[in-house]
Amino acid sequence: MATQLKNGSAKLKDVQNDIVNLKQDIASLSRSVGDDIKTNITTTAKRAQSYGTEKYENLQEGVRKKPMTSIGLAFGAGLLVSALLKGARK
């Protein structure tokens, strides 16, 4: 009976140690996944910012090269939005 209690106690200690190790592994994995997510978000944000900046610069260049066309397009877009908004009120 005493041997069984010692064996049970030893097994309980092993389970406790396994739980502690699992807890540490989960914490480590969580930190690693968190770091990966942070890196991916940062990279994606930088790409989006770069893409937006590039498109904005292209738009500015187009306006500089053809200012009258840009004014005409802006006027046409304004008329279109105005017509859409008037149609939505009816």
N, C-alpha and C. Protein backbone atom coordinates (compact mmCIF):
# COMPACT_ATOMS: atom_id res chain seq x y z
N MET A 1 0.82 -1.19 0.00
CA MET A 1 0.00 0.00 0.00
C MET A 1 0.87 1.26 0.00
N ALA A 2 1.92 1.27 0.81
CA ALA A 2 2.81 2.42 0.88
C ALA A 2 3.52 2.62 -0.46
N THR A 3 3.85 1.52 -1.12
CA THR A 3 4.50 1.60 -2.44
C THR A 3 3.57 2.22 -3.46
N GLN A 4 2.31 1.84 -3.37
CA GLN A 4 1.32 2.40 -4.30
C GLN A 4 1.15 3.90 -4.07
N LEU A 5 1.15 4.32 -2.80
CA LEU A 5 1.06 5.74 -2.50
C LEU A 5 2.27 6.50 -3.02
N LYS A 6 3.46 5.92 -2.86
CA LYS A 6 4.67 6.56 -3.37
C LYS A 6 4.62 6.66 -4.90
N ASN A 7 4.17 5.57 -5.54
CA ASN A 7 4.05 5.60 -7.01
C ASN A 7 3.02 6.63 -7.46
N GLY A 8 1.90 6.67 -6.75
CA GLY A 8 0.85 7.66 -7.07
C GLY A 8 1.35 9.07 -6.87
N SER A 9 2.09 9.26 -5.79
CA SER A 9 2.66 10.58 -5.49
C SER A 9 3.67 10.99 -6.56
N ALA A 10 4.47 10.04 -6.97
CA ALA A 10 5.47 10.32 -8.02
C ALA A 10 4.77 10.65 -9.34
N LYS A 11 3.72 9.90 -9.64
CA LYS A 11 2.98 10.17 -10.88
C LYS A 11 2.31 11.54 -10.82
N LEU A 12 1.79 11.90 -9.66
CA LEU A 12 1.17 13.22 -9.48
C LEU A 12 2.20 14.32 -9.68
N LYS A 13 3.40 14.12 -9.14
CA LYS A 13 4.48 15.10 -9.34
C LYS A 13 4.82 15.22 -10.82
N ASP A 14 4.87 14.08 -11.52
CA ASP A 14 5.15 14.09 -12.96
C ASP A 14 4.08 14.87 -13.72
N VAL A 15 2.83 14.66 -13.36
CA VAL A 15 1.72 15.38 -14.01
C VAL A 15 1.83 16.87 -13.72
N GLN A 16 2.16 17.22 -12.47
CA GLN A 16 2.32 18.63 -12.12
C GLN A 16 3.45 19.26 -12.93
N ASN A 17 4.56 18.54 -13.05
CA ASN A 17 5.69 19.05 -13.84
C ASN A 17 5.30 19.19 -15.31
N ASP A 18 4.54 18.23 -15.83
CA ASP A 18 4.07 18.31 -17.21
C ASP A 18 3.18 19.53 -17.42
N ILE A 19 2.32 19.79 -16.45
CA ILE A 19 1.43 20.97 -16.54
C ILE A 19 2.24 22.26 -16.54
N VAL A 20 3.24 22.34 -15.67
CA VAL A 20 4.09 23.53 -15.62
C VAL A 20 4.82 23.71 -16.96
N ASN A 21 5.35 22.61 -17.50
CA ASN A 21 6.05 22.68 -18.78
C ASN A 21 5.11 23.08 -19.91
N LEU A 22 3.89 22.53 -19.90
CA LEU A 22 2.90 22.90 -20.92
C LEU A 22 2.55 24.38 -20.83
N LYS A 23 2.40 24.86 -19.61
CA LYS A 23 2.09 26.28 -19.40
C LYS A 23 3.20 27.16 -19.97
N GLN A 24 4.44 26.79 -19.73
CA GLN A 24 5.57 27.55 -20.25
C GLN A 24 5.62 27.48 -21.78
N ASP A 25 5.36 26.29 -22.33
CA ASP A 25 5.35 26.14 -23.79
C ASP A 25 4.25 26.97 -24.43
N ILE A 26 3.08 26.98 -23.82
CA ILE A 26 1.96 27.77 -24.35
C ILE A 26 2.28 29.26 -24.29
N ALA A 27 2.87 29.70 -23.18
CA ALA A 27 3.24 31.11 -23.06
C ALA A 27 4.26 31.50 -24.12
N SER A 28 5.24 30.65 -24.31
CA SER A 28 6.27 30.91 -25.32
C SER A 28 5.67 30.94 -26.73
N LEU A 29 4.81 29.99 -27.01
CA LEU A 29 4.16 29.93 -28.32
C LEU A 29 3.28 31.16 -28.54
N SER A 30 2.57 31.57 -27.51
CA SER A 30 1.72 32.76 -27.61
C SER A 30 2.54 34.01 -27.93
N ARG A 31 3.68 34.14 -27.25
CA ARG A 31 4.55 35.29 -27.53
C ARG A 31 5.05 35.24 -28.97
N SER A 32 5.43 34.07 -29.42
CA SER A 32 5.94 33.90 -30.77
C SER A 32 4.88 34.24 -31.81
N VAL A 33 3.67 33.72 -31.60
CA VAL A 33 2.57 34.01 -32.53
C VAL A 33 2.24 35.51 -32.51
N GLY A 34 2.24 36.08 -31.32
CA GLY A 34 1.99 37.52 -31.20
C GLY A 34 3.03 38.34 -31.95
N ASP A 35 4.28 37.95 -31.83
CA ASP A 35 5.35 38.64 -32.55
C ASP A 35 5.18 38.50 -34.06
N ASP A 36 4.80 37.31 -34.52
CA ASP A 36 4.56 37.09 -35.95
C ASP A 36 3.41 37.96 -36.46
N ILE A 37 2.34 38.02 -35.69
CA ILE A 37 1.19 38.84 -36.08
C ILE A 37 1.59 40.31 -36.14
N LYS A 38 2.33 40.77 -35.15
CA LYS A 38 2.77 42.17 -35.11
C LYS A 38 3.63 42.47 -36.33
N THR A 39 4.54 41.56 -36.66
CA THR A 39 5.41 41.75 -37.83
C THR A 39 4.59 41.80 -39.11
N ASN A 40 3.63 40.89 -39.25
CA ASN A 40 2.79 40.87 -40.46
C ASN A 40 1.95 42.13 -40.59
N ILE A 41 1.39 42.60 -39.49
CA ILE A 41 0.59 43.83 -39.53
C ILE A 41 1.46 45.02 -39.89
N THR A 42 2.63 45.11 -39.30
CA THR A 42 3.55 46.21 -39.60
C THR A 42 3.95 46.20 -41.07
N THR A 43 4.29 45.03 -41.58
CA THR A 43 4.69 44.90 -42.99
C THR A 43 3.54 45.29 -43.91
N THR A 44 2.35 44.82 -43.61
CA THR A 44 1.18 45.14 -44.44
C THR A 44 0.87 46.63 -44.39
N ALA A 45 0.97 47.23 -43.22
CA ALA A 45 0.72 48.66 -43.09
C ALA A 45 1.74 49.48 -43.90
N LYS A 46 2.99 49.06 -43.85
CA LYS A 46 4.01 49.77 -44.62
C LYS A 46 3.76 49.64 -46.12
N ARG A 47 3.36 48.44 -46.56
CA ARG A 47 3.04 48.24 -47.98
C ARG A 47 1.86 49.11 -48.40
N ALA A 48 0.83 49.15 -47.57
CA ALA A 48 -0.36 49.95 -47.87
C ALA A 48 0.00 51.43 -47.94
N GLN A 49 0.82 51.88 -47.02
CA GLN A 49 1.24 53.27 -47.02
C GLN A 49 2.04 53.59 -48.27
N SER A 50 2.95 52.71 -48.62
CA SER A 50 3.76 52.90 -49.82
C SER A 50 2.89 52.94 -51.07
N TYR A 51 1.93 52.02 -51.14
CA TYR A 51 1.02 51.96 -52.29
C TYR A 51 0.19 53.24 -52.39
N GLY A 52 -0.34 53.69 -51.27
CA GLY A 52 -1.13 54.93 -51.25
C GLY A 52 -0.30 56.13 -51.65
N THR A 53 0.90 56.20 -51.13
CA THR A 53 1.79 57.31 -51.48
C THR A 53 2.11 57.32 -52.97
N GLU A 54 2.38 56.14 -53.52
CA GLU A 54 2.68 56.02 -54.95
C GLU A 54 1.49 56.47 -55.80
N LYS A 55 0.29 56.03 -55.42
CA LYS A 55 -0.91 56.41 -56.19
C LYS A 55 -1.18 57.90 -56.08
N TYR A 56 -0.97 58.47 -54.91
CA TYR A 56 -1.16 59.91 -54.73
C TYR A 56 -0.17 60.70 -55.58
N GLU A 57 1.08 60.25 -55.60
CA GLU A 57 2.09 60.92 -56.42
C GLU A 57 1.76 60.81 -57.91
N ASN A 58 1.25 59.64 -58.32
CA ASN A 58 0.83 59.48 -59.72
C ASN A 58 -0.31 60.43 -60.06
N LEU A 59 -1.25 60.59 -59.14
CA LEU A 59 -2.37 61.51 -59.36
C LEU A 59 -1.86 62.95 -59.47
N GLN A 60 -0.97 63.33 -58.57
CA GLN A 60 -0.41 64.68 -58.63
C GLN A 60 0.31 64.91 -59.96
N GLU A 61 1.06 63.94 -60.41
CA GLU A 61 1.79 64.05 -61.68
C GLU A 61 0.81 64.21 -62.84
N GLY A 62 -0.28 63.45 -62.81
CA GLY A 62 -1.30 63.56 -63.87
C GLY A 62 -1.94 64.92 -63.89
N VAL A 63 -2.20 65.48 -62.72
CA VAL A 63 -2.80 66.82 -62.63
C VAL A 63 -1.80 67.86 -63.15
N ARG A 64 -0.53 67.71 -62.83
CA ARG A 64 0.48 68.66 -63.31
C ARG A 64 0.61 68.60 -64.83
N LYS A 65 0.57 67.39 -65.38
CA LYS A 65 0.75 67.25 -66.83
C LYS A 65 -0.47 67.72 -67.61
N LYS A 66 -1.67 67.48 -67.08
CA LYS A 66 -2.90 67.82 -67.80
C LYS A 66 -3.89 68.49 -66.86
N PRO A 67 -3.63 69.75 -66.51
CA PRO A 67 -4.50 70.42 -65.54
C PRO A 67 -5.93 70.62 -66.05
N MET A 68 -6.09 70.95 -67.32
CA MET A 68 -7.44 71.19 -67.85
C MET A 68 -8.26 69.90 -67.87
N THR A 69 -7.62 68.80 -68.21
CA THR A 69 -8.31 67.50 -68.20
C THR A 69 -8.74 67.17 -66.77
N SER A 70 -7.88 67.45 -65.81
CA SER A 70 -8.20 67.19 -64.42
C SER A 70 -9.39 68.02 -63.95
N ILE A 71 -9.42 69.28 -64.35
CA ILE A 71 -10.54 70.15 -63.99
C ILE A 71 -11.83 69.62 -64.62
N GLY A 72 -11.75 69.22 -65.89
CA GLY A 72 -12.93 68.67 -66.57
C GLY A 72 -13.42 67.40 -65.90
N LEU A 73 -12.50 66.51 -65.51
CA LEU A 73 -12.90 65.28 -64.82
C LEU A 73 -13.53 65.58 -63.46
N ALA A 74 -12.98 66.52 -62.75
CA ALA A 74 -13.53 66.89 -61.44
C ALA A 74 -14.93 67.48 -61.61
N PHE A 75 -15.10 68.32 -62.62
CA PHE A 75 -16.41 68.91 -62.89
C PHE A 75 -17.42 67.82 -63.25
N GLY A 76 -17.02 66.91 -64.13
CA GLY A 76 -17.90 65.81 -64.52
C GLY A 76 -18.27 64.91 -63.34
N ALA A 77 -17.31 64.64 -62.50
CA ALA A 77 -17.57 63.81 -61.32
C ALA A 77 -18.55 64.53 -60.39
N GLY A 78 -18.40 65.83 -60.26
CA GLY A 78 -19.32 66.62 -59.43
C GLY A 78 -20.73 66.58 -59.96
N LEU A 79 -20.87 66.71 -61.29
CA LEU A 79 -22.20 66.62 -61.90
C LEU A 79 -22.82 65.24 -61.67
N LEU A 80 -22.02 64.21 -61.82
CA LEU A 80 -22.51 62.85 -61.62
C LEU A 80 -22.98 62.62 -60.18
N VAL A 81 -22.19 63.04 -59.23
CA VAL A 81 -22.56 62.90 -57.81
C VAL A 81 -23.81 63.70 -57.52
N SER A 82 -23.89 64.89 -58.06
CA SER A 82 -25.07 65.73 -57.86
C SER A 82 -26.32 65.04 -58.41
N ALA A 83 -26.22 64.50 -59.60
CA ALA A 83 -27.36 63.81 -60.21
C ALA A 83 -27.77 62.58 -59.39
N LEU A 84 -26.78 61.85 -58.90
CA LEU A 84 -27.08 60.67 -58.08
C LEU A 84 -27.76 61.04 -56.78
N LEU A 85 -27.29 62.13 -56.17
CA LEU A 85 -27.88 62.56 -54.91
C LEU A 85 -29.31 63.09 -55.11
N LYS A 86 -29.55 63.82 -56.19
CA LYS A 86 -30.90 64.29 -56.48
C LYS A 86 -31.83 63.12 -56.74
N GLY A 87 -31.36 62.11 -57.46
CA GLY A 87 -32.17 60.93 -57.73
C GLY A 87 -32.48 60.15 -56.48
N ALA A 88 -31.59 60.18 -55.50
CA ALA A 88 -31.78 59.42 -54.27
C ALA A 88 -32.83 60.10 -53.38
N ARG A 89 -33.02 61.41 -53.52
CA ARG A 89 -33.97 62.16 -52.68
C ARG A 89 -35.41 61.95 -53.15
N LYS A 90 -35.59 61.62 -54.42
CA LYS A 90 -36.95 61.52 -54.96
C LYS A 90 -37.66 60.30 -54.50
